[in-house]
Amino acid sequence: MSPGALSARPSITLKLATSLDGRIALANGESKWITGVEARLETHKLRAAHDAVIVGSETVLADDPELTARLDPMPGKQPLRIVADGRGRLSPNARIFRTVSLGPVAIATLETTDLDALGWPSERGLQYWMTPPDLATGHLAISGILEAAARARVSSLMVEGGGQLAVSFMRAGVVDRIEWFRASILLGADARPCLGGLGLEKLAAAPTYQRISVKQVGADLWESYVRKN
């Protein structure tokens, strides 16, 4: 999908929290915590500043996050918390289901998913976005997620992870801004990358961004980028 294919799509921010060499977790999945307390506080502020946040099912399986904006004082409204799960892997006992009372939740899944068979709950504040698959891969299509987000009146969406979901948004050409927190550690090639493969064959095809700010947050570096036209 090209950036202009869906006129009502939300603006997309990709949030990354990585090592210096762009890794988000060790090979065994350990990731708490790569960045420090100050960087994590800024992440909560970013969540509160967006209409919605989205993660992939792998992130939920690994970390069982709540995905709320936890600030003092707490924001008056929580972002819509979205999980992309085309394979129906979420446990009915996942924290994202158990915390619907704290703010709305949406599960983006394929239109063929049998919700009853999975035992996923049904309660107020919980939405299921049943979307058609990507014709080329059979997986969840970013276009379907964005169309559902537009219908839900989401105007700003922050992608928090993991690497495969992040690269899916990048391949779709819809990432408008990157907020990148980098810790001063190195994890090596066997650790998990912040982006999956882009499949580039020419440097000229690489997505290009312009850095607009850089600041120190605790021991970490926070860089902001916007997409170059």
Protein backbone atom coordinates (compact mmCIF):
# COMPACT_ATOMS: atom_id res chain seq x y z
CA MET A 1 0.00 0.00 0.00
CA SER A 2 1.38 3.39 -0.90
CA PRO A 3 1.22 6.22 1.67
CA GLY A 4 -1.59 7.89 -0.26
CA ALA A 5 -3.68 4.77 -0.87
CA LEU A 6 -5.74 5.28 2.30
CA SER A 7 -6.51 8.96 2.67
CA ALA A 8 -7.88 8.64 6.20
CA ARG A 9 -5.05 6.53 7.57
CA PRO A 10 -3.56 7.61 10.90
CA SER A 11 -0.13 9.14 11.17
CA ILE A 12 2.33 6.39 12.11
CA THR A 13 5.15 6.65 14.63
CA LEU A 14 7.62 3.77 15.00
CA LYS A 15 9.08 3.65 18.52
CA LEU A 16 12.35 1.75 18.91
CA ALA A 17 14.28 0.94 22.10
CA THR A 18 17.52 -0.73 21.13
CA SER A 19 21.17 -1.34 21.83
CA LEU A 20 23.74 0.69 19.91
CA ASP A 21 23.76 -2.02 17.25
CA GLY A 22 19.99 -1.93 16.77
CA ARG A 23 19.01 -5.01 18.79
CA ILE A 24 15.85 -5.26 20.87
CA ALA A 25 16.46 -8.51 22.77
CA LEU A 26 18.95 -11.28 23.31
CA ALA A 27 18.62 -14.42 21.23
CA ASN A 28 16.74 -16.05 24.13
CA GLY A 29 14.22 -13.18 24.16
CA GLU A 30 15.48 -11.35 27.26
CA SER A 31 14.86 -7.62 26.82
CA LYS A 32 14.11 -6.12 30.27
CA TRP A 33 15.52 -3.64 30.36
CA ILE A 34 17.72 -2.46 27.49
CA THR A 35 16.97 1.22 28.07
CA GLY A 36 16.78 3.00 31.41
CA VAL A 37 14.01 4.38 33.61
CA GLU A 38 14.13 7.83 32.00
CA ALA A 39 13.69 6.46 28.47
CA ARG A 40 10.82 4.24 29.59
CA LEU A 41 9.09 7.27 31.12
CA GLU A 42 9.34 9.06 27.78
CA THR A 43 7.77 6.02 26.13
CA HIS A 44 4.79 6.31 28.45
CA LYS A 45 4.48 9.97 27.50
CA LEU A 46 4.55 9.01 23.82
CA ARG A 47 1.81 6.43 24.40
CA ALA A 48 -0.35 9.06 26.07
CA ALA A 49 0.22 11.41 23.11
CA HIS A 50 -1.12 8.89 20.56
CA ASP A 51 -4.66 7.68 19.94
CA ALA A 52 -3.47 4.09 19.75
CA VAL A 53 -0.45 1.82 20.19
CA ILE A 54 0.12 -1.50 18.45
CA VAL A 55 2.34 -4.53 19.07
CA GLY A 56 2.58 -7.96 17.48
CA SER A 57 1.54 -11.20 19.11
CA GLU A 58 5.20 -12.18 19.58
CA THR A 59 5.66 -9.21 21.92
CA VAL A 60 2.62 -10.20 23.95
CA LEU A 61 3.75 -13.82 24.17
CA ALA A 62 7.24 -12.80 25.28
CA ASP A 63 6.48 -9.89 27.64
CA ASP A 64 2.73 -10.02 28.42
CA PRO A 65 2.62 -6.19 28.43
CA GLU A 66 -0.18 -3.98 29.67
CA LEU A 67 0.60 -1.24 27.10
CA THR A 68 -1.06 1.50 29.12
CA ALA A 69 0.41 4.97 29.59
CA ARG A 70 1.48 4.92 33.22
CA LEU A 71 2.22 8.47 34.34
CA ASP A 72 1.82 10.53 37.50
CA PRO A 73 -0.80 11.82 37.32
CA MET A 74 -2.40 9.24 35.08
CA PRO A 75 -3.69 10.59 31.76
CA GLY A 76 -7.40 11.20 31.50
CA LYS A 77 -7.64 8.85 28.52
CA GLN A 78 -5.64 5.75 27.66
CA PRO A 79 -4.65 4.97 24.07
CA LEU A 80 -6.44 2.20 22.25
CA ARG A 81 -4.19 -0.85 22.69
CA ILE A 82 -3.98 -2.97 19.54
CA VAL A 83 -2.44 -6.42 19.14
CA ALA A 84 -1.81 -7.81 15.65
CA ASP A 85 -2.40 -11.56 15.86
CA GLY A 86 -3.16 -13.16 12.52
CA ARG A 87 -2.44 -16.67 13.81
CA GLY A 88 -4.65 -16.60 16.89
CA ARG A 89 -1.80 -17.20 19.32
CA LEU A 90 -2.89 -15.02 22.24
CA SER A 91 -3.85 -16.70 25.48
CA PRO A 92 -7.31 -15.76 26.82
CA ASN A 93 -5.46 -15.01 30.07
CA ALA A 94 -3.08 -12.46 28.53
CA ARG A 95 -2.78 -9.24 30.52
CA ILE A 96 -4.06 -7.26 27.53
CA PHE A 97 -7.41 -9.06 27.97
CA ARG A 98 -7.40 -8.78 31.76
CA THR A 99 -6.95 -5.00 31.73
CA VAL A 100 -9.77 -3.92 29.42
CA SER A 101 -11.20 -1.98 32.35
CA LEU A 102 -8.16 0.34 32.17
CA GLY A 103 -8.75 1.31 28.55
CA PRO A 104 -10.00 -0.06 25.22
CA VAL A 105 -8.32 -2.99 23.45
CA ALA A 106 -8.49 -4.16 19.83
CA ILE A 107 -7.24 -7.48 18.47
CA ALA A 108 -6.48 -7.35 14.74
CA THR A 109 -6.82 -10.82 13.29
CA LEU A 110 -7.80 -12.55 10.08
CA GLU A 111 -11.45 -12.67 9.06
CA THR A 112 -11.20 -16.50 9.07
CA THR A 113 -10.19 -16.66 12.74
CA ASP A 114 -12.58 -18.73 14.89
CA LEU A 115 -12.89 -16.57 17.99
CA ASP A 116 -15.08 -19.08 19.82
CA ALA A 117 -12.55 -21.87 19.35
CA LEU A 118 -9.77 -19.68 20.76
CA GLY A 119 -11.78 -18.81 23.85
CA TRP A 120 -10.96 -15.13 23.58
CA PRO A 121 -13.20 -13.07 25.87
CA SER A 122 -16.05 -10.83 24.81
CA GLU A 123 -16.70 -7.78 26.94
CA ARG A 124 -17.26 -4.07 26.73
CA GLY A 125 -14.18 -2.20 25.59
CA LEU A 126 -12.78 -5.15 23.64
CA GLN A 127 -12.89 -5.00 19.84
CA TYR A 128 -12.02 -7.60 17.23
CA TRP A 129 -10.85 -6.28 13.88
CA MET A 130 -11.56 -9.09 11.41
CA THR A 131 -9.48 -8.25 8.35
CA PRO A 132 -8.82 -9.95 5.00
CA PRO A 133 -5.35 -11.43 4.48
CA ASP A 134 -2.59 -10.00 2.37
CA LEU A 135 -3.07 -11.73 -0.98
CA ALA A 136 0.67 -12.29 -1.46
CA THR A 137 1.48 -13.74 1.98
CA GLY A 138 -1.80 -14.83 3.54
CA HIS A 139 -0.81 -12.93 6.69
CA LEU A 140 -2.38 -9.85 8.25
CA ALA A 141 -2.29 -6.93 5.83
CA ILE A 142 -1.15 -3.54 7.12
CA SER A 143 -3.75 -1.97 4.84
CA GLY A 144 -6.49 -3.88 6.66
CA ILE A 145 -5.20 -2.79 10.06
CA LEU A 146 -5.06 0.84 8.95
CA GLU A 147 -8.56 0.73 7.47
CA ALA A 148 -9.88 -0.67 10.75
CA ALA A 149 -7.96 2.00 12.67
CA ALA A 150 -9.48 4.71 10.48
CA ARG A 151 -12.97 3.32 11.15
CA ALA A 152 -12.16 3.45 14.88
CA ARG A 153 -11.27 7.16 14.45
CA VAL A 154 -7.60 6.61 15.26
CA SER A 155 -5.66 9.58 13.92
CA SER A 156 -2.25 8.77 15.44
CA LEU A 157 -0.80 5.28 15.92
CA MET A 158 2.46 4.26 17.59
CA VAL A 159 4.08 0.96 16.57
CA GLU A 160 5.98 -0.47 19.54
CA GLY A 161 7.17 -3.87 18.29
CA GLY A 162 8.35 -6.38 17.59
CA GLY A 163 10.74 -6.50 14.68
CA GLN A 164 8.43 -8.24 12.22
CA LEU A 165 5.49 -5.92 12.83
CA ALA A 166 7.81 -2.90 12.62
CA VAL A 167 9.23 -3.98 9.27
CA SER A 168 5.73 -4.71 7.94
CA PHE A 169 4.78 -1.09 8.54
CA MET A 170 8.09 0.03 7.05
CA ARG A 171 7.63 -2.10 3.91
CA ALA A 172 4.14 -0.65 3.54
CA GLY A 173 5.71 2.80 3.33
CA VAL A 174 3.53 4.32 6.04
CA VAL A 175 5.98 5.11 8.86
CA ASP A 176 5.96 8.90 9.12
CA ARG A 177 8.15 9.32 12.19
CA ILE A 178 10.67 7.31 14.21
CA GLU A 179 11.32 7.81 17.92
CA TRP A 180 14.51 5.88 18.67
CA PHE A 181 15.90 5.28 22.16
CA ARG A 182 19.41 3.80 22.12
CA ALA A 183 21.21 2.34 25.10
CA SER A 184 25.00 2.36 25.28
CA ILE A 185 25.35 -1.43 25.11
CA LEU A 186 26.18 -3.85 22.31
CA LEU A 187 24.32 -7.15 21.93
CA GLY A 188 25.80 -8.64 18.75
CA ALA A 189 24.52 -10.33 15.63
CA ASP A 190 22.91 -13.24 17.50
CA ALA A 191 20.53 -10.85 19.30
CA ARG A 192 17.14 -9.95 17.82
CA PRO A 193 17.08 -6.99 15.39
CA CYS A 194 14.70 -4.05 15.71
CA LEU A 195 13.57 -4.61 12.11
CA GLY A 196 13.02 -7.76 10.12
CA GLY A 197 14.32 -8.02 6.57
CA LEU A 198 13.38 -5.33 4.06
CA GLY A 199 14.56 -7.37 1.08
CA LEU A 200 16.34 -4.41 -0.49
CA GLU A 201 18.42 -4.95 -3.62
CA LYS A 202 19.50 -1.32 -4.14
CA LEU A 203 20.50 1.36 -1.66
CA ALA A 204 18.35 3.83 -3.58
CA ALA A 205 15.27 1.87 -2.48
CA ALA A 206 16.03 2.23 1.24
CA PRO A 207 13.50 4.22 3.29
CA THR A 208 15.09 7.55 4.15
CA TYR A 209 14.50 9.70 7.23
CA GLN A 210 15.77 13.06 8.45
CA ARG A 211 16.86 13.46 12.05
CA ILE A 212 15.08 16.43 13.61
CA SER A 213 16.21 16.17 17.22
CA VAL A 214 18.58 14.32 19.54
CA LYS A 215 18.74 14.47 23.31
CA GLN A 216 20.15 12.64 26.30
CA VAL A 217 17.62 10.87 28.52
CA GLY A 218 19.39 9.39 31.51
CA ALA A 219 22.11 7.13 30.15
CA ASP A 220 20.34 6.72 26.79
CA LEU A 221 20.10 8.70 23.56
CA TRP A 222 16.73 9.71 22.09
CA GLU A 223 16.67 10.54 18.39
CA SER A 224 13.61 11.69 16.43
CA TYR A 225 13.30 11.28 12.66
CA VAL A 226 10.71 12.19 10.05
CA ARG A 227 10.36 10.61 6.64
CA LYS A 228 11.95 12.48 3.77
CA ASN A 229 9.68 13.00 0.78
